[in-house]
C-alpha atoms as a PDB file:
ATOM      1  CA  MET A   1      40.772   6.835  27.875  1.00  0.00           C
ATOM      2  CA  PRO A   2      41.272   8.496  31.275  1.00  0.00           C
ATOM      3  CA  LYS A   3      44.764   8.558  32.780  1.00  0.00           C
ATOM      4  CA  PHE A   4      45.565   7.744  36.406  1.00  0.00           C
ATOM      5  CA  PHE A   5      48.430   8.541  38.762  1.00  0.00           C
ATOM      6  CA  ILE A   6      49.075   6.755  42.075  1.00  0.00           C
ATOM      7  CA  LYS A   7      51.511   8.049  44.687  1.00  0.00           C
ATOM      8  CA  THR A   8      52.451   5.542  47.381  1.00  0.00           C
ATOM      9  CA  TYR A   9      53.593   6.234  50.925  1.00  0.00           C
ATOM     10  CA  GLY A  10      54.964   3.632  53.354  1.00  0.00           C
ATOM     11  CA  CYS A  11      55.924  -0.019  53.150  1.00  0.00           C
ATOM     12  CA  GLN A  12      56.316  -2.749  50.532  1.00  0.00           C
ATOM     13  CA  MET A  13      52.760  -3.887  51.222  1.00  0.00           C
ATOM     14  CA  ASN A  14      51.523  -0.458  50.155  1.00  0.00           C
ATOM     15  CA  GLU A  15      53.646  -0.699  47.004  1.00  0.00           C
ATOM     16  CA  ARG A  16      52.056  -4.068  46.281  1.00  0.00           C
ATOM     17  CA  ASP A  17      48.551  -2.715  46.932  1.00  0.00           C
ATOM     18  CA  SER A  18      49.177   0.214  44.585  1.00  0.00           C
ATOM     19  CA  GLU A  19      50.223  -2.186  41.845  1.00  0.00           C
ATOM     20  CA  GLN A  20      47.016  -4.157  42.368  1.00  0.00           C
ATOM     21  CA  VAL A  21      44.961  -0.981  41.936  1.00  0.00           C
ATOM     22  CA  ALA A  22      46.990   0.016  38.867  1.00  0.00           C
ATOM     23  CA  HIS A  23      46.452  -3.419  37.330  1.00  0.00           C
ATOM     24  CA  SER A  24      42.684  -3.204  37.872  1.00  0.00           C
ATOM     25  CA  LEU A  25      42.523   0.252  36.278  1.00  0.00           C
ATOM     26  CA  ILE A  26      44.642  -0.766  33.286  1.00  0.00           C
ATOM     27  CA  ALA A  27      42.350  -3.767  32.790  1.00  0.00           C
ATOM     28  CA  ARG A  28      39.466  -1.252  32.460  1.00  0.00           C
ATOM     29  CA  GLY A  29      41.328   0.677  29.760  1.00  0.00           C
ATOM     30  CA  TYR A  30      42.849   3.428  31.903  1.00  0.00           C
ATOM     31  CA  GLU A  31      46.407   4.583  31.146  1.00  0.00           C
ATOM     32  CA  ARG A  32      49.210   5.466  33.550  1.00  0.00           C
ATOM     33  CA  ALA A  33      50.094   9.152  33.734  1.00  0.00           C
ATOM     34  CA  GLN A  34      53.641  10.351  34.356  1.00  0.00           C
ATOM     35  CA  SER A  35      52.500  12.810  37.023  1.00  0.00           C
ATOM     36  CA  GLU A  36      49.410  14.175  38.693  1.00  0.00           C
ATOM     37  CA  LEU A  37      49.527  17.157  36.327  1.00  0.00           C
ATOM     38  CA  ASP A  38      48.258  15.138  33.373  1.00  0.00           C
ATOM     39  CA  ALA A  39      46.056  12.630  35.213  1.00  0.00           C
ATOM     40  CA  ASP A  40      42.276  12.401  35.277  1.00  0.00           C
ATOM     41  CA  VAL A  41      42.457  10.279  38.449  1.00  0.00           C
ATOM     42  CA  VAL A  42      44.929  10.974  41.278  1.00  0.00           C
ATOM     43  CA  LEU A  43      45.119   8.471  44.143  1.00  0.00           C
ATOM     44  CA  LEU A  44      47.309   8.682  47.246  1.00  0.00           C
ATOM     45  CA  ASN A  45      47.939   5.290  48.873  1.00  0.00           C
ATOM     46  CA  THR A  46      48.654   6.263  52.440  1.00  0.00           C
ATOM     47  CA  CYS A  47      50.516   5.077  55.535  1.00  0.00           C
ATOM     48  CA  SER A  48      49.611   5.647  59.198  1.00  0.00           C
ATOM     49  CA  VAL A  49      52.541   3.950  60.922  1.00  0.00           C
ATOM     50  CA  ARG A  50      54.465   7.236  61.058  1.00  0.00           C
ATOM     51  CA  ASP A  51      52.948  10.673  61.591  1.00  0.00           C
ATOM     52  CA  MET A  52      55.310  12.119  58.970  1.00  0.00           C
ATOM     53  CA  ALA A  53      53.760   9.899  56.286  1.00  0.00           C
ATOM     54  CA  ASP A  54      50.291  11.083  57.357  1.00  0.00           C
ATOM     55  CA  GLN A  55      51.333  14.717  57.123  1.00  0.00           C
ATOM     56  CA  LYS A  56      53.007  14.245  53.729  1.00  0.00           C
ATOM     57  CA  ALA A  57      49.867  12.678  52.277  1.00  0.00           C
ATOM     58  CA  LEU A  58      47.620  15.386  53.739  1.00  0.00           C
ATOM     59  CA  GLY A  59      49.958  18.109  52.483  1.00  0.00           C
ATOM     60  CA  LYS A  60      50.082  16.549  49.026  1.00  0.00           C
ATOM     61  CA  MET A  61      46.315  16.312  48.798  1.00  0.00           C
ATOM     62  CA  GLY A  62      46.033  19.912  49.935  1.00  0.00           C
ATOM     63  CA  MET A  63      48.314  21.013  47.097  1.00  0.00           C
ATOM     64  CA  LEU A  64      46.259  18.958  44.643  1.00  0.00           C
ATOM     65  CA  GLY A  65      43.341  21.244  45.436  1.00  0.00           C
ATOM     66  CA  ARG A  66      44.774  23.741  42.967  1.00  0.00           C
ATOM     67  CA  ILE A  67      44.604  21.156  40.186  1.00  0.00           C
ATOM     68  CA  ALA A  68      41.061  20.262  41.245  1.00  0.00           C
ATOM     69  CA  ASN A  69      39.984  23.878  40.808  1.00  0.00           C
ATOM     70  CA  GLU A  70      41.408  23.903  37.287  1.00  0.00           C
ATOM     71  CA  ARG A  71      40.076  20.415  36.383  1.00  0.00           C
ATOM     72  CA  PRO A  72      36.652  20.019  38.005  1.00  0.00           C
ATOM     73  CA  HIS A  73      36.028  16.663  36.302  1.00  0.00           C
ATOM     74  CA  ALA A  74      39.197  15.013  37.725  1.00  0.00           C
ATOM     75  CA  VAL A  75      38.881  12.521  40.574  1.00  0.00           C
ATOM     76  CA  PHE A  76      41.020  12.630  43.739  1.00  0.00           C
ATOM     77  CA  GLY A  77      41.190   9.937  46.394  1.00  0.00           C
ATOM     78  CA  PHE A  78      42.844   8.573  49.499  1.00  0.00           C
ATOM     79  CA  LEU A  79      43.538   4.828  49.737  1.00  0.00           C
ATOM     80  CA  GLY A  80      45.074   2.590  52.387  1.00  0.00           C
ATOM     81  CA  CYS A  81      45.940   2.892  56.039  1.00  0.00           C
ATOM     82  CA  MET A  82      45.265   6.570  56.709  1.00  0.00           C
ATOM     83  CA  ALA A  83      42.004   6.267  54.788  1.00  0.00           C
ATOM     84  CA  GLN A  84      41.085   3.289  56.992  1.00  0.00           C
ATOM     85  CA  ALA A  85      41.992   5.084  60.216  1.00  0.00           C
ATOM     86  CA  ARG A  86      40.391   8.461  59.477  1.00  0.00           C
ATOM     87  CA  GLY A  87      37.542   7.618  57.131  1.00  0.00           C
ATOM     88  CA  ALA A  88      35.068  10.368  56.284  1.00  0.00           C
ATOM     89  CA  SER A  89      36.897  12.889  58.500  1.00  0.00           C
ATOM     90  CA  LEU A  90      39.372  13.299  55.632  1.00  0.00           C
ATOM     91  CA  LEU A  91      36.672  15.089  53.656  1.00  0.00           C
ATOM     92  CA  LYS A  92      36.251  17.847  56.214  1.00  0.00           C
ATOM     93  CA  ASN A  93      39.100  20.158  55.174  1.00  0.00           C
ATOM     94  CA  LEU A  94      39.713  18.759  51.679  1.00  0.00           C
ATOM     95  CA  PRO A  95      36.530  19.459  49.707  1.00  0.00           C
ATOM     96  CA  HIS A  96      37.958  18.166  46.421  1.00  0.00           C
ATOM     97  CA  VAL A  97      38.441  14.578  47.727  1.00  0.00           C
ATOM     98  CA  ASP A  98      36.087  12.164  45.955  1.00  0.00           C
ATOM     99  CA  LEU A  99      37.193   8.769  47.310  1.00  0.00           C
ATOM    100  CA  VAL A 100      38.274   7.410  50.698  1.00  0.00           C
ATOM    101  CA  VAL A 101      38.895   3.662  50.385  1.00  0.00           C
ATOM    102  CA  GLY A 102      40.279   1.488  53.176  1.00  0.00           C
ATOM    103  CA  THR A 103      42.725  -1.396  53.298  1.00  0.00           C
ATOM    104  CA  GLN A 104      40.249  -4.205  52.672  1.00  0.00           C
ATOM    105  CA  LYS A 105      38.736  -2.626  49.547  1.00  0.00           C
ATOM    106  CA  PHE A 106      41.599  -2.183  47.073  1.00  0.00           C
ATOM    107  CA  HIS A 107      39.824  -4.596  44.724  1.00  0.00           C
ATOM    108  CA  ARG A 108      36.856  -2.205  44.578  1.00  0.00           C
ATOM    109  CA  VAL A 109      38.810   0.944  43.685  1.00  0.00           C
ATOM    110  CA  ALA A 110      38.337   0.610  39.911  1.00  0.00           C
ATOM    111  CA  ASP A 111      34.545   0.418  40.377  1.00  0.00           C
ATOM    112  CA  TYR A 112      34.586   3.472  42.621  1.00  0.00           C
ATOM    113  CA  VAL A 113      36.772   5.426  40.185  1.00  0.00           C
ATOM    114  CA  ASP A 114      34.391   4.607  37.313  1.00  0.00           C
ATOM    115  CA  ASP A 115      31.462   5.757  39.422  1.00  0.00           C
ATOM    116  CA  ALA A 116      33.142   8.983  40.542  1.00  0.00           C
ATOM    117  CA  LEU A 117      34.202   9.931  37.007  1.00  0.00           C
ATOM    118  CA  GLU A 118      30.707   9.289  35.680  1.00  0.00           C
ATOM    119  CA  ARG A 119      29.074  11.336  38.439  1.00  0.00           C
ATOM    120  CA  LYS A 120      31.425  14.239  37.760  1.00  0.00           C
ATOM    121  CA  ARG A 121      30.867  14.024  34.014  1.00  0.00           C
ATOM    122  CA  THR A 122      27.076  14.121  34.261  1.00  0.00           C
ATOM    123  CA  ARG A 123      26.315  16.275  37.292  1.00  0.00           C
ATOM    124  CA  ARG A 124      25.192  19.887  37.113  1.00  0.00           C
ATOM    125  CA  MET A 125      27.285  22.493  38.881  1.00  0.00           C
ATOM    126  CA  ASP A 126      24.446  23.135  41.355  1.00  0.00           C
ATOM    127  CA  ASP A 127      24.230  19.440  42.364  1.00  0.00           C
ATOM    128  CA  PRO A 128      25.320  18.620  45.928  1.00  0.00           C
ATOM    129  CA  ARG A 129      28.831  17.251  46.182  1.00  0.00           C
ATOM    130  CA  PHE A 130      29.130  13.469  46.405  1.00  0.00           C
ATOM    131  CA  SER A 131      32.036  11.440  47.814  1.00  0.00           C
ATOM    132  CA  ILE A 132      32.534   7.697  48.175  1.00  0.00           C
ATOM    133  CA  VAL A 133      33.778   6.444  51.543  1.00  0.00           C
ATOM    134  CA  ASP A 134      34.310   2.714  52.087  1.00  0.00           C
ATOM    135  CA  VAL A 135      36.348   1.619  55.100  1.00  0.00           C
ATOM    136  CA  ASP A 136      34.142  -1.299  56.138  1.00  0.00           C
ATOM    137  CA  GLU A 137      35.575  -4.724  56.866  1.00  0.00           C
ATOM    138  CA  GLU A 138      35.072  -7.345  54.177  1.00  0.00           C
ATOM    139  CA  ALA A 139      35.070 -11.068  54.864  1.00  0.00           C
ATOM    140  CA  GLY A 140      37.445 -12.945  52.588  1.00  0.00           C
ATOM    141  CA  SER A 141      39.355  -9.825  51.534  1.00  0.00           C
ATOM    142  CA  GLN A 142      42.637 -11.753  51.833  1.00  0.00           C
ATOM    143  CA  SER A 143      41.662 -13.610  48.668  1.00  0.00           C
ATOM    144  CA  THR A 144      41.578 -10.356  46.696  1.00  0.00           C
ATOM    145  CA  ILE A 145      45.304  -9.528  47.127  1.00  0.00           C
ATOM    146  CA  ARG A 146      46.490 -11.012  43.877  1.00  0.00           C
ATOM    147  CA  ASN A 147      47.226 -10.158  40.252  1.00  0.00           C
ATOM    148  CA  GLN A 148      49.700  -7.475  39.267  1.00  0.00           C
ATOM    149  CA  GLN A 149      50.895  -5.695  36.166  1.00  0.00           C
ATOM    150  CA  LEU A 150      54.499  -6.610  35.346  1.00  0.00           C
ATOM    151  CA  ALA A 151      56.913  -4.297  33.607  1.00  0.00           C
ATOM    152  CA  PRO A 152      58.808  -5.727  30.616  1.00  0.00           C
ATOM    153  CA  LYS A 153      61.653  -8.002  31.748  1.00  0.00           C
ATOM    154  CA  GLN A 154      60.717  -7.513  35.415  1.00  0.00           C
ATOM    155  CA  ALA A 155      62.863  -9.891  37.482  1.00  0.00           C
ATOM    156  CA  THR A 156      61.396  -9.389  40.962  1.00  0.00           C
ATOM    157  CA  ALA A 157      57.886  -9.199  42.390  1.00  0.00           C
ATOM    158  CA  PHE A 158      56.084  -8.855  45.718  1.00  0.00           C
ATOM    159  CA  VAL A 159      53.441 -11.459  46.609  1.00  0.00           C
ATOM    160  CA  SER A 160      51.084 -10.685  49.496  1.00  0.00           C
ATOM    161  CA  ILE A 161      50.249 -13.840  51.419  1.00  0.00           C
ATOM    162  CA  MET A 162      48.104 -12.432  54.243  1.00  0.00           C
ATOM    163  CA  GLN A 163      46.445  -9.345  55.651  1.00  0.00           C
ATOM    164  CA  GLY A 164      46.333  -7.886  59.139  1.00  0.00           C
ATOM    165  CA  CYS A 165      48.092  -8.408  62.447  1.00  0.00           C
ATOM    166  CA  ASN A 166      47.104  -9.650  65.923  1.00  0.00           C
ATOM    167  CA  MET A 167      50.211  -8.629  67.879  1.00  0.00           C
ATOM    168  CA  HIS A 168      49.228  -5.119  69.094  1.00  0.00           C
ATOM    169  CA  CYS A 169      52.726  -3.734  69.632  1.00  0.00           C
ATOM    170  CA  THR A 170      52.229  -0.450  71.465  1.00  0.00           C
ATOM    171  CA  PHE A 171      54.045   1.617  68.812  1.00  0.00           C
ATOM    172  CA  CYS A 172      52.041   0.288  65.858  1.00  0.00           C
ATOM    173  CA  ILE A 173      48.608   1.126  64.442  1.00  0.00           C
ATOM    174  CA  VAL A 174      48.511  -1.711  61.895  1.00  0.00           C
ATOM    175  CA  PRO A 175      45.973  -3.922  63.744  1.00  0.00           C
ATOM    176  CA  GLN A 176      43.564  -0.968  63.611  1.00  0.00           C
ATOM    177  CA  THR A 177      44.234  -0.106  59.947  1.00  0.00           C
ATOM    178  CA  ARG A 178      44.580  -3.589  58.426  1.00  0.00           C
ATOM    179  CA  GLY A 179      42.484  -5.684  60.798  1.00  0.00           C
ATOM    180  CA  ALA A 180      43.055  -9.164  62.196  1.00  0.00           C
ATOM    181  CA  GLU A 181      45.292 -11.791  60.570  1.00  0.00           C
ATOM    182  CA  ARG A 182      43.773 -13.410  57.480  1.00  0.00           C
ATOM    183  CA  SER A 183      45.743 -15.678  55.160  1.00  0.00           C
ATOM    184  CA  ARG A 184      45.415 -16.845  51.576  1.00  0.00           C
ATOM    185  CA  THR A 185      45.696 -20.553  50.785  1.00  0.00           C
ATOM    186  CA  ILE A 186      48.998 -22.123  49.800  1.00  0.00           C
ATOM    187  CA  ASN A 187      47.552 -23.252  46.467  1.00  0.00           C
ATOM    188  CA  GLU A 188      46.413 -19.746  45.613  1.00  0.00           C
ATOM    189  CA  ILE A 189      49.807 -18.234  46.446  1.00  0.00           C
ATOM    190  CA  VAL A 190      51.716 -20.929  44.544  1.00  0.00           C
ATOM    191  CA  GLY A 191      49.490 -20.316  41.539  1.00  0.00           C
ATOM    192  CA  GLU A 192      50.298 -16.602  41.590  1.00  0.00           C
ATOM    193  CA  VAL A 193      54.050 -17.245  41.890  1.00  0.00           C
ATOM    194  CA  ARG A 194      53.938 -19.757  39.021  1.00  0.00           C
ATOM    195  CA  ALA A 195      52.215 -17.179  36.838  1.00  0.00           C
ATOM    196  CA  LEU A 196      54.842 -14.565  37.728  1.00  0.00           C
ATOM    197  CA  VAL A 197      57.680 -16.962  36.942  1.00  0.00           C
ATOM    198  CA  SER A 198      56.085 -17.837  33.608  1.00  0.00           C
ATOM    199  CA  HIS A 199      56.353 -14.118  32.733  1.00  0.00           C
ATOM    200  CA  GLY A 200      60.054 -13.957  33.581  1.00  0.00           C
ATOM    201  CA  VAL A 201      60.134 -13.184  37.301  1.00  0.00           C
ATOM    202  CA  LYS A 202      63.170 -14.788  38.979  1.00  0.00           C
ATOM    203  CA  GLU A 203      62.762 -13.581  42.565  1.00  0.00           C
ATOM    204  CA  VAL A 204      59.675 -13.165  44.742  1.00  0.00           C
ATOM    205  CA  THR A 205      59.289 -11.573  48.148  1.00  0.00           C
ATOM    206  CA  LEU A 206      56.456 -12.939  50.281  1.00  0.00           C
ATOM    207  CA  LEU A 207      54.745 -10.113  52.155  1.00  0.00           C
ATOM    208  CA  GLY A 208      52.827 -10.109  55.416  1.00  0.00           C
ATOM    209  CA  GLN A 209      52.609  -7.765  58.359  1.00  0.00           C
ATOM    210  CA  ILE A 210      54.107 -10.582  60.423  1.00  0.00           C
ATOM    211  CA  VAL A 211      54.852 -12.863  57.567  1.00  0.00           C
ATOM    212  CA  ASN A 212      56.107 -15.893  59.511  1.00  0.00           C
ATOM    213  CA  LEU A 213      52.814 -16.123  61.423  1.00  0.00           C
ATOM    214  CA  TYR A 214      51.073 -16.879  58.127  1.00  0.00           C
ATOM    215  CA  GLY A 215      48.131 -19.265  58.401  1.00  0.00           C
ATOM    216  CA  ARG A 216      48.505 -20.027  62.104  1.00  0.00           C
ATOM    217  CA  HIS A 217      44.759 -19.674  62.715  1.00  0.00           C
ATOM    218  CA  GLU A 218      43.504 -21.181  59.446  1.00  0.00           C
ATOM    219  CA  PHE A 219      45.797 -24.088  58.572  1.00  0.00           C
ATOM    220  CA  PRO A 220      47.247 -27.025  60.573  1.00  0.00           C
ATOM    221  CA  LYS A 221      50.841 -27.962  61.158  1.00  0.00           C
ATOM    222  CA  ILE A 222      51.988 -30.896  59.033  1.00  0.00           C
ATOM    223  CA  ASP A 223      55.021 -32.991  60.020  1.00  0.00           C
ATOM    224  CA  ASN A 224      55.851 -30.367  62.665  1.00  0.00           C
ATOM    225  CA  LYS A 225      56.033 -27.663  59.999  1.00  0.00           C
ATOM    226  CA  SER A 226      54.115 -24.446  60.446  1.00  0.00           C
ATOM    227  CA  PRO A 227      51.889 -23.251  57.603  1.00  0.00           C
ATOM    228  CA  PHE A 228      54.537 -20.657  56.734  1.00  0.00           C
ATOM    229  CA  VAL A 229      57.272 -23.266  56.325  1.00  0.00           C
ATOM    230  CA  GLN A 230      54.874 -25.409  54.294  1.00  0.00           C
ATOM    231  CA  LEU A 231      54.390 -22.380  52.051  1.00  0.00           C
ATOM    232  CA  LEU A 232      58.146 -21.833  51.710  1.00  0.00           C
ATOM    233  CA  ASP A 233      58.565 -25.482  50.714  1.00  0.00           C
ATOM    234  CA  ALA A 234      55.806 -25.241  48.100  1.00  0.00           C
ATOM    235  CA  VAL A 235      57.079 -22.009  46.545  1.00  0.00           C
ATOM    236  CA  HIS A 236      60.665 -23.303  46.603  1.00  0.00           C
ATOM    237  CA  GLN A 237      59.642 -26.207  44.353  1.00  0.00           C
ATOM    238  CA  ILE A 238      58.478 -23.943  41.507  1.00  0.00           C
ATOM    239  CA  ASP A 239      60.659 -24.481  38.449  1.00  0.00           C
ATOM    240  CA  GLY A 240      62.236 -21.282  37.166  1.00  0.00           C
ATOM    241  CA  LEU A 241      62.133 -19.448  40.490  1.00  0.00           C
ATOM    242  CA  GLU A 242      65.695 -18.644  41.524  1.00  0.00           C
ATOM    243  CA  ARG A 243      65.422 -16.581  44.712  1.00  0.00           C
ATOM    244  CA  LEU A 244      62.903 -16.441  47.546  1.00  0.00           C
ATOM    245  CA  ARG A 245      62.593 -13.734  50.215  1.00  0.00           C
ATOM    246  CA  PHE A 246      60.079 -12.795  52.905  1.00  0.00           C
ATOM    247  CA  THR A 247      59.403  -9.736  55.036  1.00  0.00           C
ATOM    248  CA  SER A 248      58.816  -8.806  57.790  1.00  0.00           C
ATOM    249  CA  PRO A 249      58.951 -11.584  60.384  1.00  0.00           C
ATOM    250  CA  HIS A 250      58.631 -11.440  64.179  1.00  0.00           C
ATOM    251  CA  PRO A 251      61.066 -13.258  66.475  1.00  0.00           C
ATOM    252  CA  ILE A 252      58.148 -15.015  68.173  1.00  0.00           C
ATOM    253  CA  GLY A 253      57.354 -16.777  64.885  1.00  0.00           C
ATOM    254  CA  PHE A 254      60.831 -18.264  64.476  1.00  0.00           C
ATOM    255  CA  ARG A 255      60.641 -21.913  65.484  1.00  0.00           C
ATOM    256  CA  GLU A 256      63.084 -24.667  64.647  1.00  0.00           C
ATOM    257  CA  ASP A 257      61.226 -25.572  61.443  1.00  0.00           C
ATOM    258  CA  LEU A 258      61.804 -22.089  60.025  1.00  0.00           C
ATOM    259  CA  ILE A 259      65.447 -22.043  61.094  1.00  0.00           C
ATOM    260  CA  ASP A 260      65.858 -25.436  59.459  1.00  0.00           C
ATOM    261  CA  ALA A 261      64.449 -24.007  56.228  1.00  0.00           C
ATOM    262  CA  TYR A 262      67.680 -22.016  55.899  1.00  0.00           C
ATOM    263  CA  ARG A 263      69.566 -25.319  55.917  1.00  0.00           C
ATOM    264  CA  ARG A 264      67.286 -27.070  53.433  1.00  0.00           C
ATOM    265  CA  LEU A 265      66.163 -24.448  50.922  1.00  0.00           C
ATOM    266  CA  PRO A 266      68.954 -23.006  48.773  1.00  0.00           C
ATOM    267  CA  LYS A 267      66.612 -20.579  46.980  1.00  0.00           C
ATOM    268  CA  LEU A 268      65.950 -18.847  50.305  1.00  0.00           C
ATOM    269  CA  VAL A 269      68.317 -15.877  50.034  1.00  0.00           C
ATOM    270  CA  ASP A 270      71.245 -15.207  52.385  1.00  0.00           C
ATOM    271  CA  HIS A 271      69.452 -12.298  54.022  1.00  0.00           C
ATOM    272  CA  LEU A 272      67.013 -12.003  56.922  1.00  0.00           C
ATOM    273  CA  HIS A 273      65.373  -8.806  58.114  1.00  0.00           C
ATOM    274  CA  LEU A 274      64.571  -9.503  61.784  1.00  0.00           C
ATOM    275  CA  PRO A 275      63.212  -6.527  63.768  1.00  0.00           C
ATOM    276  CA  MET A 276      64.776  -6.149  67.221  1.00  0.00           C
ATOM    277  CA  GLN A 277      63.314  -2.735  68.243  1.00  0.00           C
ATOM    278  CA  SER A 278      65.273  -2.473  71.524  1.00  0.00           C
ATOM    279  CA  GLY A 279      68.054  -4.125  73.501  1.00  0.00           C
ATOM    280  CA  SER A 280      66.363  -3.296  76.809  1.00  0.00           C
ATOM    281  CA  ASN A 281      63.999  -5.905  78.238  1.00  0.00           C
ATOM    282  CA  LYS A 282      62.104  -3.184  80.060  1.00  0.00           C
ATOM    283  CA  ILE A 283      61.437  -1.344  76.812  1.00  0.00           C
ATOM    284  CA  LEU A 284      60.631  -4.546  74.907  1.00  0.00           C
ATOM    285  CA  LYS A 285      58.011  -5.331  77.540  1.00  0.00           C
ATOM    286  CA  ALA A 286      56.574  -1.812  77.244  1.00  0.00           C
ATOM    287  CA  MET A 287      56.421  -2.339  73.482  1.00  0.00           C
ATOM    288  CA  HIS A 288      54.557  -5.675  73.938  1.00  0.00           C
ATOM    289  CA  ARG A 289      57.245  -7.420  71.903  1.00  0.00           C
ATOM    290  CA  THR A 290      56.905 -10.762  73.823  1.00  0.00           C
ATOM    291  CA  TYR A 291      60.621 -11.671  73.733  1.00  0.00           C
ATOM    292  CA  THR A 292      63.759 -10.601  75.577  1.00  0.00           C
ATOM    293  CA  ALA A 293      67.049  -9.268  74.273  1.00  0.00           C
ATOM    294  CA  GLU A 294      68.667 -12.538  75.312  1.00  0.00           C
ATOM    295  CA  LYS A 295      66.164 -14.573  73.288  1.00  0.00           C
ATOM    296  CA  TYR A 296      66.720 -12.327  70.284  1.00  0.00           C
ATOM    297  CA  VAL A 297      70.501 -12.829  70.460  1.00  0.00           C
ATOM    298  CA  ASP A 298      70.047 -16.593  70.829  1.00  0.00           C
ATOM    299  CA  LEU A 299      67.755 -16.661  67.797  1.00  0.00           C
ATOM    300  CA  VAL A 300      70.275 -14.768  65.674  1.00  0.00           C
ATOM    301  CA  GLY A 301      72.943 -17.261  66.721  1.00  0.00           C
ATOM    302  CA  ARG A 302      70.799 -20.236  65.723  1.00  0.00           C
ATOM    303  CA  VAL A 303      69.993 -18.682  62.344  1.00  0.00           C
ATOM    304  CA  ARG A 304      73.705 -18.083  61.730  1.00  0.00           C
ATOM    305  CA  GLU A 305      74.409 -21.714  62.557  1.00  0.00           C
ATOM    306  CA  ALA A 306      71.887 -22.778  59.944  1.00  0.00           C
ATOM    307  CA  ARG A 307      73.177 -20.364  57.242  1.00  0.00           C
ATOM    308  CA  LYS A 308      76.771 -19.388  57.967  1.00  0.00           C
ATOM    309  CA  ASP A 309      77.141 -16.270  55.796  1.00  0.00           C
ATOM    310  CA  ILE A 310      73.631 -14.867  56.196  1.00  0.00           C
ATOM    311  CA  ALA A 311      73.245 -11.068  56.365  1.00  0.00           C
ATOM    312  CA  ILE A 312      70.876  -9.931  59.121  1.00  0.00           C
ATOM    313  CA  THR A 313      69.281  -6.486  59.150  1.00  0.00           C
ATOM    314  CA  THR A 314      66.934  -5.081  61.751  1.00  0.00           C
ATOM    315  CA  ASP A 315      64.682  -2.264  62.959  1.00  0.00           C
ATOM    316  CA  ILE A 316      65.493  -0.279  66.112  1.00  0.00           C
ATOM    317  CA  ILE A 317      63.428   2.356  67.912  1.00  0.00           C
ATOM    318  CA  VAL A 318      65.210   4.846  70.173  1.00  0.00           C
ATOM    319  CA  GLY A 319      63.572   7.474  72.329  1.00  0.00           C
ATOM    320  CA  PHE A 320      60.625   5.214  73.153  1.00  0.00           C
ATOM    321  CA  PRO A 321      58.461   6.676  75.974  1.00  0.00           C
ATOM    322  CA  GLY A 322      60.101   5.862  79.309  1.00  0.00           C
ATOM    323  CA  GLU A 323      63.478   4.967  77.788  1.00  0.00           C
ATOM    324  CA  THR A 324      66.441   5.952  79.968  1.00  0.00           C
ATOM    325  CA  ASP A 325      70.090   6.452  79.085  1.00  0.00           C
ATOM    326  CA  ASP A 326      70.741   2.966  80.451  1.00  0.00           C
ATOM    327  CA  ASP A 327      68.034   1.452  78.227  1.00  0.00           C
ATOM    328  CA  TYR A 328      69.603   3.175  75.234  1.00  0.00           C
ATOM    329  CA  LYS A 329      73.052   1.896  76.248  1.00  0.00           C
ATOM    330  CA  GLN A 330      71.703  -1.664  76.385  1.00  0.00           C
ATOM    331  CA  THR A 331      70.502  -1.279  72.804  1.00  0.00           C
ATOM    332  CA  ARG A 332      73.853   0.142  71.686  1.00  0.00           C
ATOM    333  CA  ASP A 333      75.707  -2.646  73.461  1.00  0.00           C
ATOM    334  CA  LEU A 334      73.590  -5.288  71.724  1.00  0.00           C
ATOM    335  CA  VAL A 335      74.173  -3.705  68.327  1.00  0.00           C
ATOM    336  CA  ASP A 336      77.919  -3.477  68.978  1.00  0.00           C
ATOM    337  CA  ARG A 337      78.230  -7.138  69.950  1.00  0.00           C
ATOM    338  CA  PRO A 338      80.609  -9.059  67.678  1.00  0.00           C
ATOM    339  CA  ASN A 339      78.926 -11.610  65.422  1.00  0.00           C
END
């Protein structure tokens, strides 16, 4: 059977998406290759949040052109965020690219790979070149982000609970590459976690672009609990699950019900990754972050009250357009504050 190789750039969500694609290919009888050198199918799952990731993926695909010349029946493709953002333009300077598949179509990659391999196997050398490009939106695509191939004795797993983002921070392209917020149902997510636990997984990380805004447009609050806290409660009850994580949240989505979850749910780990981005209110406003440095500090204090020994990590951007030395100093001062 054909062998495939997937190289992933970017975040944990991309890692999870790559595993979904790998699982779908293995289910068709494909085998994993150790490198692109012995693969019949080479897929790059791309990131567009940072220009460096874009350039690495483009450079890698350019180098793969040499393999394509030697193996004319091999299939090469771009997946993910850069594919979504650039679409068919990626074919212009990379004539060996056969697939460009966007962020809402990972569940269709195996079909497209089958099609591309068959076309290459049967076409005459004088046939016009054919490439598959699919970056269209797909209603209900949030329900396709499930199922993964576990390694033997794998103890941890990522579980995607939603797609997209509505926040439009000025430094981020995600709303353009992954679309608007769309959430899976609690029952569907709990079912996936139960299946993972039954295969030996002890820790799951719930993934979403802004994970704590899960379900805010689709599902109601119940007993003053947001849909995300309802989900945490439901996953926490699964027998055999020992640790529960989530990433990445937004300060605006931290209400008292989520803070209280750190008091009530012992499986929720003693770690929170809470992006700050800047300690300057002027820069936060320019970033469209919708909170102030003072509110961020207050939130951290309330979380620490709920879980005394919690470790808090963060993201910080320096050199943002318009940032002054004083803005930078405000960020440094916030970071240097004693706990």
